[in-house]
């Protein structure tokens, strides 16, 4: 499941913020599970999901895939 691609470049979050940590985690090639994102930010699950929605509104394209019983999210490469 992939959100629609935007023609405008994504606006990055502030440096050293938890949202920036989330973006860096999603850039990892294998993707990140909800548990990974909770551990990296210290947020609750609903806050992590809301932050991903905020990133989508900023122009990021977030890809979701299911491997076994784990859902992994990752940032789609620009131009992919």
N, C-alpha and C. Protein backbone atom coordinates (compact mmCIF):
# COMPACT_ATOMS: atom_id res chain seq x y z
N UNK A 1 0.85 -1.16 0.00
CA UNK A 1 0.00 0.00 0.00
C UNK A 1 0.90 1.22 0.00
N UNK A 2 0.75 2.07 -0.99
CA UNK A 2 1.56 3.26 -1.12
C UNK A 2 0.64 4.45 -1.31
N UNK A 3 1.00 5.55 -0.66
CA UNK A 3 0.20 6.76 -0.84
C UNK A 3 0.54 7.38 -2.18
N UNK A 4 -0.28 8.31 -2.65
CA UNK A 4 -0.04 8.93 -3.93
C UNK A 4 1.23 9.78 -3.90
N UNK A 5 1.91 9.84 -5.04
CA UNK A 5 3.15 10.58 -5.12
C UNK A 5 2.86 12.06 -5.30
N UNK A 6 3.64 12.87 -4.64
CA UNK A 6 3.47 14.31 -4.71
C UNK A 6 4.55 14.89 -5.60
N UNK A 7 4.22 15.95 -6.35
CA UNK A 7 5.18 16.59 -7.23
C UNK A 7 6.12 17.50 -6.44
N UNK A 8 5.71 17.94 -5.26
CA UNK A 8 6.55 18.82 -4.46
C UNK A 8 7.47 18.01 -3.57
N UNK A 9 8.70 18.49 -3.37
CA UNK A 9 9.62 17.75 -2.50
C UNK A 9 9.15 17.78 -1.04
N UNK A 10 9.49 16.73 -0.31
CA UNK A 10 9.08 16.61 1.08
C UNK A 10 9.83 17.63 1.94
N UNK A 11 9.10 18.27 2.84
CA UNK A 11 9.70 19.22 3.77
C UNK A 11 10.24 18.44 4.97
N UNK A 12 11.55 18.50 5.20
CA UNK A 12 12.12 17.71 6.29
C UNK A 12 11.76 18.27 7.66
N UNK A 13 11.66 17.39 8.67
CA UNK A 13 11.41 17.85 10.04
C UNK A 13 12.66 18.52 10.60
N UNK A 14 12.51 19.22 11.72
CA UNK A 14 13.66 19.88 12.35
C UNK A 14 14.73 18.87 12.70
N UNK A 15 15.97 19.29 12.57
CA UNK A 15 17.10 18.44 12.90
C UNK A 15 17.08 18.13 14.40
N UNK A 16 17.46 16.94 14.77
CA UNK A 16 17.53 16.46 16.16
C UNK A 16 16.15 16.32 16.82
N UNK A 17 15.08 16.30 16.04
CA UNK A 17 13.75 16.11 16.61
C UNK A 17 13.38 14.63 16.55
N UNK A 18 12.34 14.26 17.28
CA UNK A 18 11.89 12.87 17.24
C UNK A 18 11.34 12.53 15.87
N UNK A 19 10.70 13.49 15.21
CA UNK A 19 10.19 13.26 13.85
C UNK A 19 11.35 12.99 12.90
N UNK A 20 12.46 13.69 13.10
CA UNK A 20 13.64 13.46 12.27
C UNK A 20 14.20 12.06 12.53
N UNK A 21 14.19 11.62 13.79
CA UNK A 21 14.61 10.26 14.13
C UNK A 21 13.73 9.23 13.42
N UNK A 22 12.44 9.53 13.36
CA UNK A 22 11.50 8.65 12.69
C UNK A 22 11.81 8.56 11.20
N UNK A 23 12.10 9.69 10.57
CA UNK A 23 12.45 9.70 9.14
C UNK A 23 13.72 8.89 8.91
N UNK A 24 14.73 9.09 9.74
CA UNK A 24 15.99 8.35 9.60
C UNK A 24 15.75 6.84 9.75
N UNK A 25 14.89 6.45 10.66
CA UNK A 25 14.58 5.04 10.87
C UNK A 25 13.85 4.47 9.66
N UNK A 26 12.95 5.24 9.07
CA UNK A 26 12.20 4.78 7.90
C UNK A 26 13.06 4.70 6.65
N UNK A 27 14.19 5.41 6.64
CA UNK A 27 15.09 5.38 5.48
C UNK A 27 15.92 4.10 5.42
N UNK A 28 16.00 3.37 6.53
CA UNK A 28 16.77 2.13 6.55
C UNK A 28 16.16 1.17 5.53
N UNK A 29 17.00 0.53 4.74
CA UNK A 29 16.55 -0.30 3.63
C UNK A 29 15.50 -1.34 3.96
N UNK A 30 15.58 -1.96 5.14
CA UNK A 30 14.64 -3.01 5.48
C UNK A 30 13.31 -2.47 6.00
N UNK A 31 13.28 -1.20 6.38
CA UNK A 31 12.08 -0.61 6.96
C UNK A 31 12.08 -0.73 8.47
N UNK A 32 11.03 -0.25 9.09
CA UNK A 32 10.95 -0.25 10.56
C UNK A 32 9.58 -0.73 10.99
N UNK A 33 9.57 -1.52 12.04
CA UNK A 33 8.31 -1.99 12.62
C UNK A 33 7.79 -0.91 13.58
N UNK A 34 6.55 -1.05 13.97
CA UNK A 34 5.97 -0.12 14.94
C UNK A 34 6.76 -0.15 16.24
N UNK A 35 7.18 -1.33 16.66
CA UNK A 35 7.97 -1.46 17.88
C UNK A 35 9.29 -0.71 17.78
N UNK A 36 9.95 -0.79 16.60
CA UNK A 36 11.21 -0.05 16.39
C UNK A 36 10.98 1.45 16.52
N UNK A 37 9.89 1.93 15.94
CA UNK A 37 9.60 3.36 15.96
C UNK A 37 9.23 3.84 17.37
N UNK A 38 8.51 3.01 18.13
CA UNK A 38 8.17 3.34 19.51
C UNK A 38 9.44 3.44 20.35
N UNK A 39 10.34 2.49 20.17
CA UNK A 39 11.59 2.48 20.93
C UNK A 39 12.46 3.69 20.57
N UNK A 40 12.51 4.05 19.30
CA UNK A 40 13.37 5.15 18.86
C UNK A 40 12.87 6.52 19.33
N UNK A 41 11.55 6.67 19.45
CA UNK A 41 10.99 7.98 19.79
C UNK A 41 10.51 8.09 21.23
N UNK A 42 10.14 6.97 21.83
CA UNK A 42 9.55 7.01 23.17
C UNK A 42 8.07 7.35 23.14
N UNK A 43 7.49 7.39 21.94
CA UNK A 43 6.08 7.70 21.79
C UNK A 43 5.23 6.44 21.93
N UNK A 44 3.92 6.65 22.16
CA UNK A 44 2.97 5.55 22.15
C UNK A 44 2.62 5.23 20.70
N UNK A 45 2.02 4.07 20.47
CA UNK A 45 1.75 3.62 19.10
C UNK A 45 0.87 4.59 18.32
N UNK A 46 -0.15 5.14 18.95
CA UNK A 46 -1.04 6.04 18.23
C UNK A 46 -0.33 7.35 17.85
N UNK A 47 0.66 7.75 18.64
CA UNK A 47 1.42 8.95 18.33
C UNK A 47 2.36 8.70 17.15
N UNK A 48 2.95 7.51 17.09
CA UNK A 48 3.81 7.16 15.96
C UNK A 48 3.00 7.16 14.68
N UNK A 49 1.82 6.56 14.71
CA UNK A 49 0.97 6.52 13.51
C UNK A 49 0.55 7.93 13.09
N UNK A 50 0.24 8.79 14.05
CA UNK A 50 -0.12 10.18 13.74
C UNK A 50 1.07 10.92 13.14
N UNK A 51 2.27 10.65 13.63
CA UNK A 51 3.47 11.29 13.09
C UNK A 51 3.69 10.85 11.65
N UNK A 52 3.43 9.58 11.34
CA UNK A 52 3.57 9.12 9.95
C UNK A 52 2.56 9.82 9.05
N UNK A 53 1.36 10.04 9.55
CA UNK A 53 0.36 10.80 8.79
C UNK A 53 0.87 12.21 8.53
N UNK A 54 1.47 12.83 9.55
CA UNK A 54 2.04 14.16 9.39
C UNK A 54 3.15 14.18 8.35
N UNK A 55 3.98 13.14 8.33
CA UNK A 55 5.04 13.05 7.32
C UNK A 55 4.45 12.94 5.92
N UNK A 56 3.37 12.17 5.79
CA UNK A 56 2.71 12.07 4.48
C UNK A 56 2.19 13.43 4.02
N UNK A 57 1.65 14.19 4.96
CA UNK A 57 1.14 15.53 4.63
C UNK A 57 2.28 16.47 4.23
N UNK A 58 3.49 16.21 4.74
CA UNK A 58 4.66 17.01 4.37
C UNK A 58 5.21 16.63 3.00
N UNK A 59 4.74 15.52 2.45
CA UNK A 59 5.17 15.12 1.12
C UNK A 59 5.97 13.83 1.07
N UNK A 60 6.18 13.17 2.20
CA UNK A 60 6.89 11.90 2.20
C UNK A 60 5.97 10.80 1.69
N UNK A 61 6.54 9.84 0.97
CA UNK A 61 5.79 8.69 0.50
C UNK A 61 6.24 7.51 1.34
N UNK A 62 5.31 6.98 2.12
CA UNK A 62 5.62 5.88 3.06
C UNK A 62 5.00 4.60 2.53
N UNK A 63 5.85 3.59 2.38
CA UNK A 63 5.44 2.29 1.86
C UNK A 63 5.24 1.34 3.04
N UNK A 64 4.23 0.49 2.95
CA UNK A 64 3.95 -0.47 4.01
C UNK A 64 3.95 -1.87 3.41
N UNK A 65 4.63 -2.80 4.10
CA UNK A 65 4.60 -4.20 3.67
C UNK A 65 4.50 -5.09 4.90
N UNK A 66 3.91 -6.25 4.69
CA UNK A 66 3.73 -7.21 5.79
C UNK A 66 4.65 -8.39 5.53
N UNK A 67 5.48 -8.71 6.53
CA UNK A 67 6.35 -9.88 6.46
C UNK A 67 5.99 -10.79 7.63
N UNK A 68 5.31 -11.87 7.33
CA UNK A 68 4.84 -12.78 8.39
C UNK A 68 3.78 -12.07 9.22
N UNK A 69 4.07 -11.87 10.50
CA UNK A 69 3.12 -11.18 11.39
C UNK A 69 3.56 -9.76 11.70
N UNK A 70 4.63 -9.30 11.03
CA UNK A 70 5.16 -7.97 11.30
C UNK A 70 4.91 -7.04 10.11
N UNK A 71 4.43 -5.85 10.40
CA UNK A 71 4.26 -4.82 9.38
C UNK A 71 5.47 -3.92 9.43
N UNK A 72 6.06 -3.66 8.26
CA UNK A 72 7.22 -2.79 8.16
C UNK A 72 6.88 -1.58 7.30
N UNK A 73 7.28 -0.41 7.75
CA UNK A 73 7.08 0.82 7.00
C UNK A 73 8.45 1.32 6.57
N UNK A 74 8.51 1.95 5.39
CA UNK A 74 9.76 2.52 4.90
C UNK A 74 9.43 3.70 4.00
N UNK A 75 10.41 4.57 3.83
CA UNK A 75 10.24 5.69 2.91
C UNK A 75 10.56 5.22 1.51
N UNK A 76 9.71 5.59 0.58
CA UNK A 76 9.94 5.23 -0.81
C UNK A 76 10.98 6.17 -1.38
N UNK A 77 11.88 5.64 -2.16
CA UNK A 77 12.93 6.46 -2.76
C UNK A 77 12.32 7.46 -3.74
N UNK A 78 12.83 8.70 -3.75
CA UNK A 78 12.32 9.70 -4.69
C UNK A 78 12.52 9.22 -6.13
N UNK A 79 11.50 9.40 -6.93
CA UNK A 79 11.57 9.00 -8.34
C UNK A 79 11.34 7.52 -8.58
N UNK A 80 11.03 6.77 -7.53
CA UNK A 80 10.83 5.32 -7.70
C UNK A 80 9.45 5.01 -8.21
